[in-house]
Amino acid sequence: MTSPLISVVICCSRPQSVVSCLDGFAKQRSRTAFEVIVVGEVQDIQKSYDRFDLQLIPCSNPHVNVRR
């Protein structure tokens, strides 16, 4: 795959919903190369896609607006 022109970043707190979103991206018919980066609860996401590069980044607290 060529270098992506677009990067999509998804904050993941609901892995099942993210998989549905990724499946939707896989159905896109575009000539533009893109990658999807999922950050958060990614331990249960065990998929790969031919249409785009998928990067999974585990993060224990994906919510940036949490009061400390």
PDB file of N, CA and C in Angstrom:
ATOM      1  N   MET A   1       0.845  -1.174   0.000  1.00  0.00           N
ATOM      2  CA  MET A   1       0.000   0.000   0.000  1.00  0.00           C
ATOM      3  C   MET A   1       0.897   1.247   0.000  1.00  0.00           C
ATOM      4  N   THR A   2       0.473   2.281  -0.675  1.00  0.00           N
ATOM      5  CA  THR A   2       1.239   3.517  -0.735  1.00  0.00           C
ATOM      6  C   THR A   2       1.101   4.293   0.565  1.00  0.00           C
ATOM      7  N   SER A   3       1.916   5.327   0.701  1.00  0.00           N
ATOM      8  CA  SER A   3       1.827   6.166   1.890  1.00  0.00           C
ATOM      9  C   SER A   3       0.459   6.832   1.932  1.00  0.00           C
ATOM     10  N   PRO A   4      -0.183   6.827   3.110  1.00  0.00           N
ATOM     11  CA  PRO A   4      -1.527   7.398   3.190  1.00  0.00           C
ATOM     12  C   PRO A   4      -1.516   8.919   3.074  1.00  0.00           C
ATOM     13  N   LEU A   5      -2.524   9.453   2.393  1.00  0.00           N
ATOM     14  CA  LEU A   5      -2.711  10.900   2.311  1.00  0.00           C
ATOM     15  C   LEU A   5      -3.591  11.399   3.439  1.00  0.00           C
ATOM     16  N   ILE A   6      -4.390  10.498   4.004  1.00  0.00           N
ATOM     17  CA  ILE A   6      -5.329  10.851   5.068  1.00  0.00           C
ATOM     18  C   ILE A   6      -5.134   9.893   6.233  1.00  0.00           C
ATOM     19  N   SER A   7      -5.149  10.455   7.447  1.00  0.00           N
ATOM     20  CA  SER A   7      -5.132   9.650   8.665  1.00  0.00           C
ATOM     21  C   SER A   7      -6.416   9.910   9.430  1.00  0.00           C
ATOM     22  N   VAL A   8      -7.120   8.847   9.773  1.00  0.00           N
ATOM     23  CA  VAL A   8      -8.336   8.942  10.571  1.00  0.00           C
ATOM     24  C   VAL A   8      -7.993   8.421  11.959  1.00  0.00           C
ATOM     25  N   VAL A   9      -8.240   9.236  12.997  1.00  0.00           N
ATOM     26  CA  VAL A   9      -7.947   8.837  14.368  1.00  0.00           C
ATOM     27  C   VAL A   9      -9.278   8.640  15.091  1.00  0.00           C
ATOM     28  N   ILE A  10      -9.444   7.473  15.716  1.00  0.00           N
ATOM     29  CA  ILE A  10     -10.671   7.144  16.425  1.00  0.00           C
ATOM     30  C   ILE A  10     -10.332   6.854  17.882  1.00  0.00           C
ATOM     31  N   CYS A  11     -10.994   7.554  18.791  1.00  0.00           N
ATOM     32  CA  CYS A  11     -10.877   7.269  20.215  1.00  0.00           C
ATOM     33  C   CYS A  11     -11.857   6.157  20.542  1.00  0.00           C
ATOM     34  N   CYS A  12     -11.368   5.061  21.087  1.00  0.00           N
ATOM     35  CA  CYS A  12     -12.189   3.856  21.236  1.00  0.00           C
ATOM     36  C   CYS A  12     -12.501   3.552  22.693  1.00  0.00           C
ATOM     37  N   SER A  13     -13.776   3.677  23.044  1.00  0.00           N
ATOM     38  CA  SER A  13     -14.232   3.193  24.344  1.00  0.00           C
ATOM     39  C   SER A  13     -15.304   2.111  24.155  1.00  0.00           C
ATOM     40  N   ARG A  14     -15.714   1.881  22.908  1.00  0.00           N
ATOM     41  CA  ARG A  14     -16.707   0.843  22.566  1.00  0.00           C
ATOM     42  C   ARG A  14     -16.183   0.040  21.369  1.00  0.00           C
ATOM     43  N   PRO A  15     -15.380  -0.982  21.628  1.00  0.00           N
ATOM     44  CA  PRO A  15     -14.744  -1.727  20.529  1.00  0.00           C
ATOM     45  C   PRO A  15     -15.718  -2.275  19.485  1.00  0.00           C
ATOM     46  N   GLN A  16     -16.908  -2.722  19.891  1.00  0.00           N
ATOM     47  CA  GLN A  16     -17.853  -3.280  18.926  1.00  0.00           C
ATOM     48  C   GLN A  16     -18.305  -2.207  17.935  1.00  0.00           C
ATOM     49  N   SER A  17     -18.525  -0.996  18.416  1.00  0.00           N
ATOM     50  CA  SER A  17     -18.926   0.100  17.531  1.00  0.00           C
ATOM     51  C   SER A  17     -17.792   0.475  16.590  1.00  0.00           C
ATOM     52  N   VAL A  18     -16.577   0.422  17.078  1.00  0.00           N
ATOM     53  CA  VAL A  18     -15.426   0.767  16.241  1.00  0.00           C
ATOM     54  C   VAL A  18     -15.254  -0.257  15.125  1.00  0.00           C
ATOM     55  N   VAL A  19     -15.474  -1.522  15.417  1.00  0.00           N
ATOM     56  CA  VAL A  19     -15.363  -2.555  14.380  1.00  0.00           C
ATOM     57  C   VAL A  19     -16.382  -2.288  13.276  1.00  0.00           C
ATOM     58  N   SER A  20     -17.594  -1.881  13.637  1.00  0.00           N
ATOM     59  CA  SER A  20     -18.597  -1.532  12.625  1.00  0.00           C
ATOM     60  C   SER A  20     -18.126  -0.354  11.777  1.00  0.00           C
ATOM     61  N   CYS A  21     -17.522   0.622  12.419  1.00  0.00           N
ATOM     62  CA  CYS A  21     -16.979   1.785  11.707  1.00  0.00           C
ATOM     63  C   CYS A  21     -15.853   1.360  10.761  1.00  0.00           C
ATOM     64  N   LEU A  22     -14.968   0.500  11.238  1.00  0.00           N
ATOM     65  CA  LEU A  22     -13.864   0.017  10.402  1.00  0.00           C
ATOM     66  C   LEU A  22     -14.392  -0.763   9.201  1.00  0.00           C
ATOM     67  N   ASP A  23     -15.430  -1.572   9.425  1.00  0.00           N
ATOM     68  CA  ASP A  23     -16.038  -2.311   8.314  1.00  0.00           C
ATOM     69  C   ASP A  23     -16.596  -1.342   7.272  1.00  0.00           C
ATOM     70  N   GLY A  24     -17.152  -0.227   7.741  1.00  0.00           N
ATOM     71  CA  GLY A  24     -17.647   0.806   6.822  1.00  0.00           C
ATOM     72  C   GLY A  24     -16.524   1.440   6.021  1.00  0.00           C
ATOM     73  N   PHE A  25     -15.413   1.727   6.685  1.00  0.00           N
ATOM     74  CA  PHE A  25     -14.257   2.270   5.960  1.00  0.00           C
ATOM     75  C   PHE A  25     -13.767   1.284   4.901  1.00  0.00           C
ATOM     76  N   ALA A  26     -13.827  -0.002   5.206  1.00  0.00           N
ATOM     77  CA  ALA A  26     -13.357  -1.025   4.267  1.00  0.00           C
ATOM     78  C   ALA A  26     -14.201  -1.063   2.992  1.00  0.00           C
ATOM     79  N   LYS A  27     -15.439  -0.570   3.059  1.00  0.00           N
ATOM     80  CA  LYS A  27     -16.328  -0.568   1.901  1.00  0.00           C
ATOM     81  C   LYS A  27     -16.200   0.698   1.050  1.00  0.00           C
ATOM     82  N   GLN A  28     -15.411   1.653   1.504  1.00  0.00           N
ATOM     83  CA  GLN A  28     -15.255   2.904   0.763  1.00  0.00           C
ATOM     84  C   GLN A  28     -14.578   2.645  -0.581  1.00  0.00           C
ATOM     85  N   ARG A  29     -15.026   3.360  -1.585  1.00  0.00           N
ATOM     86  CA  ARG A  29     -14.453   3.227  -2.927  1.00  0.00           C
ATOM     87  C   ARG A  29     -13.774   4.538  -3.309  1.00  0.00           C
ATOM     88  N   SER A  30     -12.601   4.730  -2.800  1.00  0.00           N
ATOM     89  CA  SER A  30     -11.847   5.946  -3.071  1.00  0.00           C
ATOM     90  C   SER A  30     -10.450   5.557  -3.527  1.00  0.00           C
ATOM     91  N   ARG A  31      -9.875   6.360  -4.366  1.00  0.00           N
ATOM     92  CA  ARG A  31      -8.498   6.101  -4.814  1.00  0.00           C
ATOM     93  C   ARG A  31      -7.473   6.700  -3.865  1.00  0.00           C
ATOM     94  N   THR A  32      -7.934   7.481  -2.906  1.00  0.00           N
ATOM     95  CA  THR A  32      -7.034   8.119  -1.955  1.00  0.00           C
ATOM     96  C   THR A  32      -6.617   7.122  -0.881  1.00  0.00           C
ATOM     97  N   ALA A  33      -5.321   6.975  -0.696  1.00  0.00           N
ATOM     98  CA  ALA A  33      -4.822   6.064   0.333  1.00  0.00           C
ATOM     99  C   ALA A  33      -5.038   6.684   1.709  1.00  0.00           C
ATOM    100  N   PHE A  34      -5.513   5.863   2.653  1.00  0.00           N
ATOM    101  CA  PHE A  34      -5.708   6.368   4.005  1.00  0.00           C
ATOM    102  C   PHE A  34      -5.356   5.292   5.026  1.00  0.00           C
ATOM    103  N   GLU A  35      -5.150   5.756   6.258  1.00  0.00           N
ATOM    104  CA  GLU A  35      -4.887   4.861   7.363  1.00  0.00           C
ATOM    105  C   GLU A  35      -5.877   5.187   8.474  1.00  0.00           C
ATOM    106  N   VAL A  36      -6.140   4.204   9.321  1.00  0.00           N
ATOM    107  CA  VAL A  36      -7.010   4.404  10.467  1.00  0.00           C
ATOM    108  C   VAL A  36      -6.202   4.059  11.712  1.00  0.00           C
ATOM    109  N   ILE A  37      -6.200   4.987  12.666  1.00  0.00           N
ATOM    110  CA  ILE A  37      -5.497   4.808  13.936  1.00  0.00           C
ATOM    111  C   ILE A  37      -6.565   4.765  15.025  1.00  0.00           C
ATOM    112  N   VAL A  38      -6.615   3.664  15.750  1.00  0.00           N
ATOM    113  CA  VAL A  38      -7.588   3.515  16.823  1.00  0.00           C
ATOM    114  C   VAL A  38      -6.831   3.529  18.148  1.00  0.00           C
ATOM    115  N   VAL A  39      -7.253   4.429  19.040  1.00  0.00           N
ATOM    116  CA  VAL A  39      -6.592   4.591  20.332  1.00  0.00           C
ATOM    117  C   VAL A  39      -7.612   4.312  21.433  1.00  0.00           C
ATOM    118  N   GLY A  40      -7.233   3.512  22.404  1.00  0.00           N
ATOM    119  CA  GLY A  40      -8.129   3.244  23.535  1.00  0.00           C
ATOM    120  C   GLY A  40      -8.221   1.770  23.828  1.00  0.00           C
ATOM    121  N   GLU A  41      -9.448   1.287  24.003  1.00  0.00           N
ATOM    122  CA  GLU A  41      -9.698  -0.114  24.342  1.00  0.00           C
ATOM    123  C   GLU A  41      -9.646  -0.967  23.073  1.00  0.00           C
ATOM    124  N   VAL A  42      -8.454  -1.286  22.656  1.00  0.00           N
ATOM    125  CA  VAL A  42      -8.258  -1.972  21.371  1.00  0.00           C
ATOM    126  C   VAL A  42      -7.896  -3.444  21.509  1.00  0.00           C
ATOM    127  N   GLN A  43      -7.786  -3.939  22.729  1.00  0.00           N
ATOM    128  CA  GLN A  43      -7.311  -5.312  22.937  1.00  0.00           C
ATOM    129  C   GLN A  43      -8.211  -6.366  22.306  1.00  0.00           C
ATOM    130  N   ASP A  44      -9.500  -6.060  22.111  1.00  0.00           N
ATOM    131  CA  ASP A  44     -10.422  -7.038  21.525  1.00  0.00           C
ATOM    132  C   ASP A  44     -10.587  -6.888  20.014  1.00  0.00           C
ATOM    133  N   ILE A  45      -9.939  -5.925  19.420  1.00  0.00           N
ATOM    134  CA  ILE A  45     -10.042  -5.716  17.972  1.00  0.00           C
ATOM    135  C   ILE A  45      -8.987  -6.578  17.299  1.00  0.00           C
ATOM    136  N   GLN A  46      -9.414  -7.618  16.622  1.00  0.00           N
ATOM    137  CA  GLN A  46      -8.510  -8.585  15.995  1.00  0.00           C
ATOM    138  C   GLN A  46      -8.763  -8.667  14.504  1.00  0.00           C
ATOM    139  N   LYS A  47      -8.841  -7.531  13.853  1.00  0.00           N
ATOM    140  CA  LYS A  47      -9.145  -7.525  12.422  1.00  0.00           C
ATOM    141  C   LYS A  47      -8.009  -6.879  11.651  1.00  0.00           C
ATOM    142  N   SER A  48      -7.956  -7.190  10.378  1.00  0.00           N
ATOM    143  CA  SER A  48      -7.053  -6.492   9.469  1.00  0.00           C
ATOM    144  C   SER A  48      -7.835  -6.200   8.191  1.00  0.00           C
ATOM    145  N   TYR A  49      -7.394  -5.211   7.457  1.00  0.00           N
ATOM    146  CA  TYR A  49      -8.133  -4.772   6.277  1.00  0.00           C
ATOM    147  C   TYR A  49      -7.172  -4.573   5.116  1.00  0.00           C
ATOM    148  N   ASP A  50      -7.609  -4.946   3.928  1.00  0.00           N
ATOM    149  CA  ASP A  50      -6.806  -4.735   2.728  1.00  0.00           C
ATOM    150  C   ASP A  50      -6.921  -3.298   2.234  1.00  0.00           C
ATOM    151  N   ARG A  51      -8.023  -2.657   2.501  1.00  0.00           N
ATOM    152  CA  ARG A  51      -8.315  -1.325   1.950  1.00  0.00           C
ATOM    153  C   ARG A  51      -7.487  -0.221   2.591  1.00  0.00           C
ATOM    154  N   PHE A  52      -7.084  -0.398   3.858  1.00  0.00           N
ATOM    155  CA  PHE A  52      -6.338   0.640   4.575  1.00  0.00           C
ATOM    156  C   PHE A  52      -5.437   0.002   5.627  1.00  0.00           C
ATOM    157  N   ASP A  53      -4.448   0.772   6.042  1.00  0.00           N
ATOM    158  CA  ASP A  53      -3.587   0.349   7.144  1.00  0.00           C
ATOM    159  C   ASP A  53      -4.305   0.638   8.453  1.00  0.00           C
ATOM    160  N   LEU A  54      -4.261  -0.302   9.376  1.00  0.00           N
ATOM    161  CA  LEU A  54      -4.895  -0.152  10.676  1.00  0.00           C
ATOM    162  C   LEU A  54      -3.825  -0.199  11.752  1.00  0.00           C
ATOM    163  N   GLN A  55      -3.799   0.833  12.591  1.00  0.00           N
ATOM    164  CA  GLN A  55      -2.880   0.874  13.719  1.00  0.00           C
ATOM    165  C   GLN A  55      -3.710   0.897  14.996  1.00  0.00           C
ATOM    166  N   LEU A  56      -3.407   0.003  15.913  1.00  0.00           N
ATOM    167  CA  LEU A  56      -4.109  -0.079  17.184  1.00  0.00           C
ATOM    168  C   LEU A  56      -3.163   0.358  18.300  1.00  0.00           C
ATOM    169  N   ILE A  57      -3.567   1.370  19.056  1.00  0.00           N
ATOM    170  CA  ILE A  57      -2.737   1.902  20.126  1.00  0.00           C
ATOM    171  C   ILE A  57      -3.506   1.774  21.440  1.00  0.00           C
ATOM    172  N   PRO A  58      -3.076   0.876  22.336  1.00  0.00           N
ATOM    173  CA  PRO A  58      -3.776   0.727  23.607  1.00  0.00           C
ATOM    174  C   PRO A  58      -3.571   1.956  24.495  1.00  0.00           C
ATOM    175  N   CYS A  59      -4.643   2.344  25.174  1.00  0.00           N
ATOM    176  CA  CYS A  59      -4.594   3.492  26.082  1.00  0.00           C
ATOM    177  C   CYS A  59      -5.613   3.221  27.176  1.00  0.00           C
ATOM    178  N   SER A  60      -5.200   3.297  28.432  1.00  0.00           N
ATOM    179  CA  SER A  60      -6.098   2.953  29.528  1.00  0.00           C
ATOM    180  C   SER A  60      -7.166   4.013  29.786  1.00  0.00           C
ATOM    181  N   ASN A  61      -6.905   5.264  29.438  1.00  0.00           N
ATOM    182  CA  ASN A  61      -7.887   6.322  29.648  1.00  0.00           C
ATOM    183  C   ASN A  61      -7.937   7.229  28.424  1.00  0.00           C
ATOM    184  N   PRO A  62      -8.800   6.907  27.447  1.00  0.00           N
ATOM    185  CA  PRO A  62      -8.830   7.684  26.210  1.00  0.00           C
ATOM    186  C   PRO A  62      -9.575   9.017  26.319  1.00  0.00           C
ATOM    187  N   HIS A  63     -10.151   9.309  27.472  1.00  0.00           N
ATOM    188  CA  HIS A  63     -10.956  10.521  27.622  1.00  0.00           C
ATOM    189  C   HIS A  63     -10.073  11.684  28.088  1.00  0.00           C
ATOM    190  N   VAL A  64      -9.871  12.654  27.219  1.00  0.00           N
ATOM    191  CA  VAL A  64      -8.957  13.753  27.538  1.00  0.00           C
ATOM    192  C   VAL A  64      -9.552  14.770  28.497  1.00  0.00           C
ATOM    193  N   ASN A  65     -10.857  14.769  28.668  1.00  0.00           N
ATOM    194  CA  ASN A  65     -11.496  15.781  29.508  1.00  0.00           C
ATOM    195  C   ASN A  65     -11.838  15.278  30.901  1.00  0.00           C
ATOM    196  N   VAL A  66     -11.115  14.300  31.387  1.00  0.00           N
ATOM    197  CA  VAL A  66     -11.336  13.774  32.724  1.00  0.00           C
ATOM    198  C   VAL A  66     -10.681  14.713  33.730  1.00  0.00           C
ATOM    199  N   ARG A  67     -11.426  15.060  34.773  1.00  0.00           N
ATOM    200  CA  ARG A  67     -10.851  15.908  35.826  1.00  0.00           C
ATOM    201  C   ARG A  67      -9.892  15.084  36.677  1.00  0.00           C
ATOM    202  N   ARG A  68      -8.810  15.694  37.021  1.00  0.00           N
ATOM    203  CA  ARG A  68      -7.795  14.985  37.835  1.00  0.00           C
ATOM    204  C   ARG A  68      -7.733  15.545  39.228  1.00  0.00           C
TER     205      ARG A  68
END
